[in-house]
PDB file of N, CA and C in Angstrom:
ATOM      1  N   MET A   1      16.454 -11.004  -2.051  1.00  0.00           N
ATOM      2  CA  MET A   1      15.728 -10.869  -2.053  1.00  0.00           C
ATOM      3  C   MET A   1      14.870 -10.058  -0.682  1.00  0.00           C
ATOM      4  N   SER A   2      15.001  -8.998  -0.426  1.00  0.00           N
ATOM      5  CA  SER A   2      14.892  -7.924   1.003  1.00  0.00           C
ATOM      6  C   SER A   2      13.140  -8.206   1.400  1.00  0.00           C
ATOM      7  N   GLU A   3      12.876  -8.632   2.754  1.00  0.00           N
ATOM      8  CA  GLU A   3      12.149  -8.908   3.393  1.00  0.00           C
ATOM      9  C   GLU A   3      11.478  -7.534   4.440  1.00  0.00           C
ATOM     10  N   PRO A   4      10.430  -7.344   4.398  1.00  0.00           N
ATOM     11  CA  PRO A   4       9.866  -5.781   5.414  1.00  0.00           C
ATOM     12  C   PRO A   4      10.164  -6.617   7.026  1.00  0.00           C
ATOM     13  N   GLN A   5      10.569  -5.586   7.619  1.00  0.00           N
ATOM     14  CA  GLN A   5      10.929  -5.887   8.693  1.00  0.00           C
ATOM     15  C   GLN A   5       9.888  -4.956  10.076  1.00  0.00           C
ATOM     16  N   SER A   6       9.675  -6.302  10.933  1.00  0.00           N
ATOM     17  CA  SER A   6       8.669  -4.947  11.306  1.00  0.00           C
ATOM     18  C   SER A   6       9.238  -3.912  12.312  1.00  0.00           C
ATOM     19  N   SER A   7       8.375  -2.943  11.921  1.00  0.00           N
ATOM     20  CA  SER A   7       8.517  -1.992  12.912  1.00  0.00           C
ATOM     21  C   SER A   7       7.748  -1.378  14.360  1.00  0.00           C
ATOM     22  N   ASP A   8       8.703  -0.784  15.062  1.00  0.00           N
ATOM     23  CA  ASP A   8       7.696  -0.346  16.272  1.00  0.00           C
ATOM     24  C   ASP A   8       6.801   0.388  16.138  1.00  0.00           C
ATOM     25  N   SER A   9       5.598   0.449  16.298  1.00  0.00           N
ATOM     26  CA  SER A   9       4.229   1.114  15.984  1.00  0.00           C
ATOM     27  C   SER A   9       4.783   2.624  16.718  1.00  0.00           C
ATOM     28  N   SER A  10       5.549   2.676  17.473  1.00  0.00           N
ATOM     29  CA  SER A  10       5.711   3.868  18.325  1.00  0.00           C
ATOM     30  C   SER A  10       6.277   5.088  17.401  1.00  0.00           C
ATOM     31  N   LYS A  11       7.051   4.554  16.194  1.00  0.00           N
ATOM     32  CA  LYS A  11       7.393   5.192  15.224  1.00  0.00           C
ATOM     33  C   LYS A  11       6.224   5.886  14.330  1.00  0.00           C
ATOM     34  N   LEU A  12       5.478   5.890  14.612  1.00  0.00           N
ATOM     35  CA  LEU A  12       4.252   6.443  13.862  1.00  0.00           C
ATOM     36  C   LEU A  12       4.099   7.957  14.193  1.00  0.00           C
ATOM     37  N   THR A  13       4.116   8.196  15.390  1.00  0.00           N
ATOM     38  CA  THR A  13       4.468   9.341  15.658  1.00  0.00           C
ATOM     39  C   THR A  13       5.398  10.325  15.650  1.00  0.00           C
ATOM     40  N   SER A  14       6.698   9.798  14.919  1.00  0.00           N
ATOM     41  CA  SER A  14       8.048  10.615  14.226  1.00  0.00           C
ATOM     42  C   SER A  14       7.553  11.240  12.997  1.00  0.00           C
ATOM     43  N   ARG A  15       8.014  12.216  12.995  1.00  0.00           N
ATOM     44  CA  ARG A  15       7.949  12.467  11.646  1.00  0.00           C
ATOM     45  C   ARG A  15       8.697  12.557  10.550  1.00  0.00           C
ATOM     46  N   PHE A  16       8.655  12.032   9.178  1.00  0.00           N
ATOM     47  CA  PHE A  16       9.561  11.709   8.459  1.00  0.00           C
ATOM     48  C   PHE A  16       9.842  12.991   7.832  1.00  0.00           C
ATOM     49  N   ASN A  17      10.951  13.033   7.496  1.00  0.00           N
ATOM     50  CA  ASN A  17      11.391  14.244   6.198  1.00  0.00           C
ATOM     51  C   ASN A  17      11.576  14.174   4.888  1.00  0.00           C
ATOM     52  N   THR A  18      11.619  13.067   4.496  1.00  0.00           N
ATOM     53  CA  THR A  18      12.077  12.065   3.257  1.00  0.00           C
ATOM     54  C   THR A  18      11.253  11.164   3.232  1.00  0.00           C
ATOM     55  N   PHE A  19      10.547  10.613   1.469  1.00  0.00           N
ATOM     56  CA  PHE A  19      10.535   9.442   1.380  1.00  0.00           C
ATOM     57  C   PHE A  19      11.360   8.292   1.618  1.00  0.00           C
ATOM     58  N   ARG A  20      12.583   8.465   1.393  1.00  0.00           N
ATOM     59  CA  ARG A  20      13.514   7.257   1.698  1.00  0.00           C
ATOM     60  C   ARG A  20      13.515   7.190   3.242  1.00  0.00           C
ATOM     61  N   ASP A  21      13.227   8.026   4.625  1.00  0.00           N
ATOM     62  CA  ASP A  21      13.327   7.836   5.537  1.00  0.00           C
ATOM     63  C   ASP A  21      11.757   6.727   6.130  1.00  0.00           C
ATOM     64  N   PHE A  22      10.764   7.702   4.504  1.00  0.00           N
ATOM     65  CA  PHE A  22       9.517   7.114   5.595  1.00  0.00           C
ATOM     66  C   PHE A  22       9.419   5.254   5.121  1.00  0.00           C
ATOM     67  N   TYR A  23      10.470   4.583   3.826  1.00  0.00           N
ATOM     68  CA  TYR A  23       9.824   3.390   3.065  1.00  0.00           C
ATOM     69  C   TYR A  23      10.250   2.837   4.518  1.00  0.00           C
ATOM     70  N   PRO A  24      11.196   2.720   5.029  1.00  0.00           N
ATOM     71  CA  PRO A  24      11.571   1.451   5.835  1.00  0.00           C
ATOM     72  C   PRO A  24      10.311   1.301   6.861  1.00  0.00           C
ATOM     73  N   PHE A  25       9.915   2.133   7.445  1.00  0.00           N
ATOM     74  CA  PHE A  25       9.104   2.266   8.513  1.00  0.00           C
ATOM     75  C   PHE A  25       7.710   1.960   7.715  1.00  0.00           C
ATOM     76  N   TYR A  26       7.224   1.388   6.632  1.00  0.00           N
ATOM     77  CA  TYR A  26       6.497   1.657   5.975  1.00  0.00           C
ATOM     78  C   TYR A  26       6.557   0.258   5.333  1.00  0.00           C
ATOM     79  N   LEU A  27       7.471  -0.137   4.763  1.00  0.00           N
ATOM     80  CA  LEU A  27       7.941  -1.939   5.267  1.00  0.00           C
ATOM     81  C   LEU A  27       7.529  -1.788   6.042  1.00  0.00           C
ATOM     82  N   GLY A  28       8.326  -1.681   6.886  1.00  0.00           N
ATOM     83  CA  GLY A  28       7.436  -2.721   8.890  1.00  0.00           C
ATOM     84  C   GLY A  28       6.194  -2.925   8.826  1.00  0.00           C
ATOM     85  N   GLN A  29       5.873  -1.891   8.263  1.00  0.00           N
ATOM     86  CA  GLN A  29       4.119  -2.284   8.837  1.00  0.00           C
ATOM     87  C   GLN A  29       3.298  -2.909   7.246  1.00  0.00           C
ATOM     88  N   HIS A  30       3.993  -3.594   6.853  1.00  0.00           N
ATOM     89  CA  HIS A  30       3.931  -4.983   5.999  1.00  0.00           C
ATOM     90  C   HIS A  30       4.061  -5.728   5.994  1.00  0.00           C
ATOM     91  N   VAL A  31       4.933  -6.324   6.677  1.00  0.00           N
ATOM     92  CA  VAL A  31       5.570  -7.636   7.410  1.00  0.00           C
ATOM     93  C   VAL A  31       4.513  -8.899   7.256  1.00  0.00           C
ATOM     94  N   ASN A  32       3.125  -8.687   7.088  1.00  0.00           N
ATOM     95  CA  ASN A  32       2.047  -9.896   7.284  1.00  0.00           C
ATOM     96  C   ASN A  32       2.010  -9.922   5.715  1.00  0.00           C
ATOM     97  N   LEU A  33       2.638 -11.610   5.165  1.00  0.00           N
ATOM     98  CA  LEU A  33       2.351 -11.835   4.083  1.00  0.00           C
ATOM     99  C   LEU A  33       0.986 -11.504   3.066  1.00  0.00           C
ATOM    100  N   ILE A  34      -0.355 -11.783   3.996  1.00  0.00           N
ATOM    101  CA  ILE A  34      -1.523 -11.723   3.131  1.00  0.00           C
ATOM    102  C   ILE A  34      -1.434 -10.271   3.328  1.00  0.00           C
ATOM    103  N   CYS A  35      -1.086  -9.231   3.774  1.00  0.00           N
ATOM    104  CA  CYS A  35      -1.771  -8.160   3.996  1.00  0.00           C
ATOM    105  C   CYS A  35      -0.820  -7.548   2.761  1.00  0.00           C
ATOM    106  N   ARG A  36       0.089  -8.009   2.250  1.00  0.00           N
ATOM    107  CA  ARG A  36       0.672  -7.470   1.408  1.00  0.00           C
ATOM    108  C   ARG A  36       0.549  -8.367  -0.111  1.00  0.00           C
ATOM    109  N   ARG A  37      -0.179  -9.501   0.430  1.00  0.00           N
ATOM    110  CA  ARG A  37      -0.787  -9.907  -0.944  1.00  0.00           C
ATOM    111  C   ARG A  37      -2.173  -8.831  -1.288  1.00  0.00           C
ATOM    112  N   LEU A  38      -2.538  -8.634  -0.079  1.00  0.00           N
ATOM    113  CA  LEU A  38      -4.203  -7.776  -0.164  1.00  0.00           C
ATOM    114  C   LEU A  38      -4.069  -6.467  -1.121  1.00  0.00           C
ATOM    115  N   HIS A  39      -2.530  -5.958  -0.545  1.00  0.00           N
ATOM    116  CA  HIS A  39      -2.246  -4.303  -1.384  1.00  0.00           C
ATOM    117  C   HIS A  39      -1.774  -4.720  -2.273  1.00  0.00           C
ATOM    118  N   PHE A  40      -1.457  -6.001  -2.971  1.00  0.00           N
ATOM    119  CA  PHE A  40      -0.863  -5.983  -4.652  1.00  0.00           C
ATOM    120  C   PHE A  40      -1.983  -6.468  -4.983  1.00  0.00           C
ATOM    121  N   VAL A  41      -3.109  -7.205  -4.602  1.00  0.00           N
ATOM    122  CA  VAL A  41      -4.202  -7.725  -5.649  1.00  0.00           C
ATOM    123  C   VAL A  41      -5.177  -6.012  -5.574  1.00  0.00           C
ATOM    124  N   GLY A  42      -5.485  -5.049  -4.775  1.00  0.00           N
ATOM    125  CA  GLY A  42      -5.772  -3.928  -4.433  1.00  0.00           C
ATOM    126  C   GLY A  42      -5.416  -3.085  -5.722  1.00  0.00           C
ATOM    127  N   SER A  43      -4.100  -3.092  -5.541  1.00  0.00           N
ATOM    128  CA  SER A  43      -3.370  -2.190  -6.867  1.00  0.00           C
ATOM    129  C   SER A  43      -3.833  -2.694  -7.863  1.00  0.00           C
ATOM    130  N   THR A  44      -3.751  -4.216  -8.164  1.00  0.00           N
ATOM    131  CA  THR A  44      -3.829  -4.480  -9.913  1.00  0.00           C
ATOM    132  C   THR A  44      -5.197  -4.341 -10.088  1.00  0.00           C
ATOM    133  N   LEU A  45      -6.032  -4.233  -9.045  1.00  0.00           N
ATOM    134  CA  LEU A  45      -7.479  -3.821  -9.588  1.00  0.00           C
ATOM    135  C   LEU A  45      -7.679  -2.375  -9.795  1.00  0.00           C
ATOM    136  N   THR A  46      -7.297  -1.168  -9.155  1.00  0.00           N
ATOM    137  CA  THR A  46      -7.053  -0.284  -9.222  1.00  0.00           C
ATOM    138  C   THR A  46      -6.309   0.059 -10.357  1.00  0.00           C
ATOM    139  N   LEU A  47      -5.606  -0.527 -11.050  1.00  0.00           N
ATOM    140  CA  LEU A  47      -4.833   0.154 -12.322  1.00  0.00           C
ATOM    141  C   LEU A  47      -6.513  -0.556 -13.252  1.00  0.00           C
ATOM    142  N   ALA A  48      -6.823  -1.816 -13.418  1.00  0.00           N
ATOM    143  CA  ALA A  48      -7.731  -2.232 -14.210  1.00  0.00           C
ATOM    144  C   ALA A  48      -8.429  -1.315 -14.214  1.00  0.00           C
ATOM    145  N   VAL A  49      -9.429  -0.913 -13.165  1.00  0.00           N
ATOM    146  CA  VAL A  49     -10.442  -0.133 -13.170  1.00  0.00           C
ATOM    147  C   VAL A  49      -9.985   1.790 -13.584  1.00  0.00           C
ATOM    148  N   VAL A  50      -8.522   1.824 -13.464  1.00  0.00           N
ATOM    149  CA  VAL A  50      -8.641   3.128 -13.806  1.00  0.00           C
ATOM    150  C   VAL A  50      -8.135   3.107 -15.621  1.00  0.00           C
ATOM    151  N   GLY A  51      -7.704   1.839 -16.333  1.00  0.00           N
ATOM    152  CA  GLY A  51      -7.520   1.563 -17.112  1.00  0.00           C
ATOM    153  C   GLY A  51      -9.501   1.826 -17.986  1.00  0.00           C
ATOM    154  N   VAL A  52     -10.598   0.756 -16.974  1.00  0.00           N
ATOM    155  CA  VAL A  52     -12.147   0.942 -17.788  1.00  0.00           C
ATOM    156  C   VAL A  52     -12.306   2.341 -17.694  1.00  0.00           C
ATOM    157  N   THR A  53     -11.459   3.593 -16.845  1.00  0.00           N
ATOM    158  CA  THR A  53     -11.948   4.890 -16.577  1.00  0.00           C
ATOM    159  C   THR A  53     -11.884   5.468 -17.689  1.00  0.00           C
ATOM    160  N   LEU A  54     -10.619   5.244 -18.358  1.00  0.00           N
ATOM    161  CA  LEU A  54      -9.521   5.031 -19.719  1.00  0.00           C
ATOM    162  C   LEU A  54     -10.663   5.336 -20.622  1.00  0.00           C
ATOM    163  N   TYR A  55     -10.940   4.047 -21.233  1.00  0.00           N
ATOM    164  CA  TYR A  55     -11.636   3.484 -21.791  1.00  0.00           C
ATOM    165  C   TYR A  55     -12.636   3.853 -22.491  1.00  0.00           C
ATOM    166  N   THR A  56     -13.544   4.143 -21.270  1.00  0.00           N
ATOM    167  CA  THR A  56     -15.161   4.073 -21.434  1.00  0.00           C
ATOM    168  C   THR A  56     -15.390   5.693 -21.259  1.00  0.00           C
ATOM    169  N   GLY A  57     -14.260   6.676 -20.786  1.00  0.00           N
ATOM    170  CA  GLY A  57     -14.328   7.964 -20.672  1.00  0.00           C
ATOM    171  C   GLY A  57     -15.233   8.601 -19.126  1.00  0.00           C
ATOM    172  N   ASN A  58     -15.791   7.237 -18.422  1.00  0.00           N
ATOM    173  CA  ASN A  58     -16.737   7.754 -17.346  1.00  0.00           C
ATOM    174  C   ASN A  58     -16.459   7.848 -16.052  1.00  0.00           C
ATOM    175  N   PRO A  59     -15.781   9.114 -15.339  1.00  0.00           N
ATOM    176  CA  PRO A  59     -15.317   8.855 -13.781  1.00  0.00           C
ATOM    177  C   PRO A  59     -15.287   8.114 -12.700  1.00  0.00           C
ATOM    178  N   TYR A  60     -16.863   7.955 -13.104  1.00  0.00           N
ATOM    179  CA  TYR A  60     -17.505   7.608 -11.878  1.00  0.00           C
ATOM    180  C   TYR A  60     -16.990   5.986 -11.777  1.00  0.00           C
ATOM    181  N   TRP A  61     -15.795   5.363 -12.417  1.00  0.00           N
ATOM    182  CA  TRP A  61     -15.526   4.494 -12.428  1.00  0.00           C
ATOM    183  C   TRP A  61     -14.431   4.375 -11.718  1.00  0.00           C
ATOM    184  N   LEU A  62     -13.812   6.232 -11.246  1.00  0.00           N
ATOM    185  CA  LEU A  62     -12.842   5.880 -10.300  1.00  0.00           C
ATOM    186  C   LEU A  62     -13.244   5.708  -8.718  1.00  0.00           C
ATOM    187  N   PHE A  63     -14.435   5.875  -8.420  1.00  0.00           N
ATOM    188  CA  PHE A  63     -14.776   5.779  -6.963  1.00  0.00           C
ATOM    189  C   PHE A  63     -14.488   4.082  -6.778  1.00  0.00           C
ATOM    190  N   LEU A  64     -14.927   3.139  -7.747  1.00  0.00           N
ATOM    191  CA  LEU A  64     -14.572   1.997  -7.809  1.00  0.00           C
ATOM    192  C   LEU A  64     -12.858   1.576  -7.472  1.00  0.00           C
ATOM    193  N   ALA A  65     -12.268   2.300  -7.973  1.00  0.00           N
ATOM    194  CA  ALA A  65     -10.333   2.507  -8.219  1.00  0.00           C
ATOM    195  C   ALA A  65     -10.269   2.973  -6.746  1.00  0.00           C
ATOM    196  N   LEU A  66     -10.856   4.156  -6.075  1.00  0.00           N
ATOM    197  CA  LEU A  66     -10.507   3.967  -4.624  1.00  0.00           C
ATOM    198  C   LEU A  66     -11.020   2.865  -4.190  1.00  0.00           C
ATOM    199  N   PHE A  67     -11.834   2.299  -3.917  1.00  0.00           N
ATOM    200  CA  PHE A  67     -12.537   0.971  -3.260  1.00  0.00           C
ATOM    201  C   PHE A  67     -11.233  -0.089  -3.692  1.00  0.00           C
ATOM    202  N   CYS A  68     -11.168  -0.349  -4.425  1.00  0.00           N
ATOM    203  CA  CYS A  68      -9.952  -1.197  -4.506  1.00  0.00           C
ATOM    204  C   CYS A  68      -8.785  -1.407  -4.076  1.00  0.00           C
ATOM    205  N   GLY A  69      -8.687  -0.020  -3.907  1.00  0.00           N
ATOM    206  CA  GLY A  69      -7.303   0.609  -3.528  1.00  0.00           C
ATOM    207  C   GLY A  69      -7.066   0.530  -1.631  1.00  0.00           C
ATOM    208  N   TYR A  70      -7.969   0.978  -1.286  1.00  0.00           N
ATOM    209  CA  TYR A  70      -7.796   1.385   0.057  1.00  0.00           C
ATOM    210  C   TYR A  70      -8.825  -0.026   0.590  1.00  0.00           C
ATOM    211  N   GLY A  71     -10.021  -0.134   0.409  1.00  0.00           N
ATOM    212  CA  GLY A  71     -10.285  -1.072   0.677  1.00  0.00           C
ATOM    213  C   GLY A  71      -9.679  -2.457   1.062  1.00  0.00           C
ATOM    214  N   PHE A  72      -9.232  -3.032   0.030  1.00  0.00           N
ATOM    215  CA  PHE A  72      -7.678  -3.993  -0.011  1.00  0.00           C
ATOM    216  C   PHE A  72      -7.350  -3.839   0.953  1.00  0.00           C
ATOM    217  N   ALA A  73      -6.183  -2.448   1.045  1.00  0.00           N
ATOM    218  CA  ALA A  73      -4.956  -2.500   1.860  1.00  0.00           C
ATOM    219  C   ALA A  73      -5.746  -2.451   3.351  1.00  0.00           C
ATOM    220  N   TRP A  74      -6.602  -1.946   3.925  1.00  0.00           N
ATOM    221  CA  TRP A  74      -7.388  -1.527   4.868  1.00  0.00           C
ATOM    222  C   TRP A  74      -7.650  -3.137   5.568  1.00  0.00           C
ATOM    223  N   ILE A  75      -8.434  -3.362   4.795  1.00  0.00           N
ATOM    224  CA  ILE A  75      -8.816  -5.403   5.167  1.00  0.00           C
ATOM    225  C   ILE A  75      -7.657  -6.191   5.704  1.00  0.00           C
ATOM    226  N   GLY A  76      -6.466  -5.782   4.543  1.00  0.00           N
ATOM    227  CA  GLY A  76      -4.584  -6.266   5.184  1.00  0.00           C
ATOM    228  C   GLY A  76      -4.521  -5.971   7.041  1.00  0.00           C
ATOM    229  N   HIS A  77      -4.939  -4.530   6.996  1.00  0.00           N
ATOM    230  CA  HIS A  77      -4.272  -4.187   7.689  1.00  0.00           C
ATOM    231  C   HIS A  77      -4.839  -3.981   9.325  1.00  0.00           C
ATOM    232  N   PHE A  78      -6.047  -4.170   8.998  1.00  0.00           N
ATOM    233  CA  PHE A  78      -7.061  -4.341  10.218  1.00  0.00           C
ATOM    234  C   PHE A  78      -6.901  -5.563  10.734  1.00  0.00           C
ATOM    235  N   PHE A  79      -7.258  -6.596   9.776  1.00  0.00           N
ATOM    236  CA  PHE A  79      -7.358  -8.602  10.317  1.00  0.00           C
ATOM    237  C   PHE A  79      -6.025  -8.890  10.216  1.00  0.00           C
ATOM    238  N   PHE A  80      -5.493  -8.335   9.456  1.00  0.00           N
ATOM    239  CA  PHE A  80      -3.863  -9.185   9.210  1.00  0.00           C
ATOM    240  C   PHE A  80      -2.994  -8.606   9.865  1.00  0.00           C
ATOM    241  N   GLU A  81      -2.692  -7.628   9.505  1.00  0.00           N
ATOM    242  CA  GLU A  81      -1.419  -7.069  10.161  1.00  0.00           C
ATOM    243  C   GLU A  81      -1.388  -6.503  11.384  1.00  0.00           C
ATOM    244  N   HIS A  82      -2.991  -6.229  11.364  1.00  0.00           N
ATOM    245  CA  HIS A  82      -3.294  -5.319  13.230  1.00  0.00           C
ATOM    246  C   HIS A  82      -2.075  -4.170  13.349  1.00  0.00           C
ATOM    247  N   ASN A  83      -2.448  -3.527  12.500  1.00  0.00           N
ATOM    248  CA  ASN A  83      -1.827  -1.755  12.813  1.00  0.00           C
ATOM    249  C   ASN A  83      -2.807  -1.123  11.987  1.00  0.00           C
ATOM    250  N   ARG A  84      -2.494   0.158  12.346  1.00  0.00           N
ATOM    251  CA  ARG A  84      -3.246   1.105  11.285  1.00  0.00           C
ATOM    252  C   ARG A  84      -2.379   1.568  10.401  1.00  0.00           C
ATOM    253  N   PRO A  85      -3.207   1.775   9.401  1.00  0.00           N
ATOM    254  CA  PRO A  85      -2.479   1.980   8.010  1.00  0.00           C
ATOM    255  C   PRO A  85      -1.829   3.033   8.307  1.00  0.00           C
ATOM    256  N   ALA A  86      -0.382   3.449   7.336  1.00  0.00           N
ATOM    257  CA  ALA A  86       0.314   4.556   7.371  1.00  0.00           C
ATOM    258  C   ALA A  86      -0.547   5.281   6.876  1.00  0.00           C
ATOM    259  N   THR A  87      -1.646   5.526   5.939  1.00  0.00           N
ATOM    260  CA  THR A  87      -2.060   6.993   5.039  1.00  0.00           C
ATOM    261  C   THR A  87      -2.706   7.162   6.366  1.00  0.00           C
ATOM    262  N   PHE A  88      -3.575   7.109   7.364  1.00  0.00           N
ATOM    263  CA  PHE A  88      -3.988   8.463   7.801  1.00  0.00           C
ATOM    264  C   PHE A  88      -3.105   9.380   8.462  1.00  0.00           C
ATOM    265  N   LYS A  89      -2.224   8.458   8.970  1.00  0.00           N
ATOM    266  CA  LYS A  89      -0.743   9.726   9.375  1.00  0.00           C
ATOM    267  C   LYS A  89       0.238  10.648   8.208  1.00  0.00           C
ATOM    268  N   TYR A  90       0.353   9.683   7.401  1.00  0.00           N
ATOM    269  CA  TYR A  90       1.254   9.967   6.622  1.00  0.00           C
ATOM    270  C   TYR A  90       0.506   9.626   4.560  1.00  0.00           C
ATOM    271  N   PRO A  91      -0.407  10.818   4.693  1.00  0.00           N
ATOM    272  CA  PRO A  91      -1.050  10.261   2.743  1.00  0.00           C
ATOM    273  C   PRO A  91      -0.547  10.150   1.992  1.00  0.00           C
ATOM    274  N   LEU A  92       0.351  11.327   1.710  1.00  0.00           N
ATOM    275  CA  LEU A  92       1.194  11.324   0.649  1.00  0.00           C
ATOM    276  C   LEU A  92       2.366  10.402   0.007  1.00  0.00           C
ATOM    277  N   TYR A  93       2.936   9.973   1.318  1.00  0.00           N
ATOM    278  CA  TYR A  93       4.389   9.334   1.576  1.00  0.00           C
ATOM    279  C   TYR A  93       3.575   7.577   1.518  1.00  0.00           C
ATOM    280  N   SER A  94       2.548   7.537   1.874  1.00  0.00           N
ATOM    281  CA  SER A  94       2.029   5.853   2.428  1.00  0.00           C
ATOM    282  C   SER A  94       1.217   5.714   0.585  1.00  0.00           C
ATOM    283  N   PHE A  95       0.914   6.985  -0.095  1.00  0.00           N
ATOM    284  CA  PHE A  95       0.295   6.618  -1.437  1.00  0.00           C
ATOM    285  C   PHE A  95       1.512   6.205  -2.222  1.00  0.00           C
ATOM    286  N   ILE A  96       2.730   6.936  -2.062  1.00  0.00           N
ATOM    287  CA  ILE A  96       3.750   6.441  -2.783  1.00  0.00           C
ATOM    288  C   ILE A  96       4.237   4.924  -2.339  1.00  0.00           C
ATOM    289  N   GLY A  97       4.110   5.038  -1.654  1.00  0.00           N
ATOM    290  CA  GLY A  97       5.166   3.422  -0.888  1.00  0.00           C
ATOM    291  C   GLY A  97       4.108   2.204  -1.713  1.00  0.00           C
ATOM    292  N   ASP A  98       2.760   2.688  -1.814  1.00  0.00           N
ATOM    293  CA  ASP A  98       1.872   1.603  -1.667  1.00  0.00           C
ATOM    294  C   ASP A  98       2.577   1.087  -3.620  1.00  0.00           C
ATOM    295  N   TRP A  99       2.891   2.593  -4.413  1.00  0.00           N
ATOM    296  CA  TRP A  99       3.420   1.945  -5.837  1.00  0.00           C
ATOM    297  C   TRP A  99       4.682   1.531  -5.620  1.00  0.00           C
ATOM    298  N   VAL A 100       5.324   2.222  -5.111  1.00  0.00           N
ATOM    299  CA  VAL A 100       7.159   1.790  -5.051  1.00  0.00           C
ATOM    300  C   VAL A 100       7.083   0.021  -4.212  1.00  0.00           C
ATOM    301  N   MET A 101       6.169  -0.341  -3.311  1.00  0.00           N
ATOM    302  CA  MET A 101       5.942  -1.653  -3.124  1.00  0.00           C
ATOM    303  C   MET A 101       5.777  -2.521  -4.126  1.00  0.00           C
ATOM    304  N   TYR A 102       4.630  -1.681  -5.155  1.00  0.00           N
ATOM    305  CA  TYR A 102       3.812  -3.236  -5.897  1.00  0.00           C
ATOM    306  C   TYR A 102       5.264  -2.962  -7.038  1.00  0.00           C
ATOM    307  N   ALA A 103       5.742  -2.269  -6.968  1.00  0.00           N
ATOM    308  CA  ALA A 103       6.982  -2.472  -8.458  1.00  0.00           C
ATOM    309  C   ALA A 103       8.020  -3.157  -7.746  1.00  0.00           C
ATOM    310  N   GLN A 104       8.127  -3.090  -6.735  1.00  0.00           N
ATOM    311  CA  GLN A 104       9.308  -4.235  -5.894  1.00  0.00           C
ATOM    312  C   GLN A 104       8.758  -5.617  -5.991  1.00  0.00           C
ATOM    313  N   ILE A 105       7.320  -5.808  -5.460  1.00  0.00           N
ATOM    314  CA  ILE A 105       7.079  -6.929  -5.696  1.00  0.00           C
ATOM    315  C   ILE A 105       7.064  -7.825  -7.161  1.00  0.00           C
ATOM    316  N   LEU A 106       7.026  -6.961  -8.241  1.00  0.00           N
ATOM    317  CA  LEU A 106       7.041  -7.033  -9.074  1.00  0.00           C
ATOM    318  C   LEU A 106       7.960  -7.444  -9.520  1.00  0.00           C
ATOM    319  N   SER A 107       8.979  -6.552  -9.356  1.00  0.00           N
ATOM    320  CA  SER A 107      10.501  -6.876  -9.806  1.00  0.00           C
ATOM    321  C   SER A 107      11.253  -8.233  -9.011  1.00  0.00           C
ATOM    322  N   GLY A 108      10.045  -8.660  -7.455  1.00  0.00           N
ATOM    323  CA  GLY A 108      11.034 -10.010  -6.814  1.00  0.00           C
ATOM    324  C   GLY A 108      11.806  -9.078  -5.539  1.00  0.00           C
ATOM    325  N   LYS A 109      11.762  -7.947  -5.705  1.00  0.00           N
ATOM    326  CA  LYS A 109      12.640  -7.687  -4.230  1.00  0.00           C
ATOM    327  C   LYS A 109      11.386  -7.319  -3.334  1.00  0.00           C
ATOM    328  N   VAL A 110      10.917  -7.373  -2.708  1.00  0.00           N
ATOM    329  CA  VAL A 110       9.971  -7.813  -2.079  1.00  0.00           C
ATOM    330  C   VAL A 110       8.591  -8.874  -2.272  1.00  0.00           C
ATOM    331  N   LYS A 111       8.153 -10.041  -1.214  1.00  0.00           N
ATOM    332  CA  LYS A 111       7.773 -11.069  -1.546  1.00  0.00           C
ATOM    333  C   LYS A 111       6.503 -11.221  -0.797  1.00  0.00           C
ATOM    334  N   ILE A 112       5.237 -11.787  -2.142  1.00  0.00           N
ATOM    335  CA  ILE A 112       4.668 -12.397  -1.687  1.00  0.00           C
ATOM    336  C   ILE A 112       3.889 -13.144  -1.926  1.00  0.00           C
TER     337      ILE A 112
END
């Protein structure tokens, strides 16, 4: 099972041409176990809230989905990982990275 490895924060200023190039950096921003757990909880809650949105047909639930997804992740970064979320510089790659990491947590490839 692979473990994220710490990544030098100076790499935040570099440009990533592909998600394949970005993802090792992304994992390096998620070395702290609590941060990864918070990401997992937030993503799981986001999926649940999207399900509620689809079931009720009420799009206002999507605000809660955003809060769950980003709120839990940002708490993890600011209070446990002590770094700046990659979302601020790489929003699309970071969004994709969240779900790839989520799938890898479910498959056991990334530990929580």
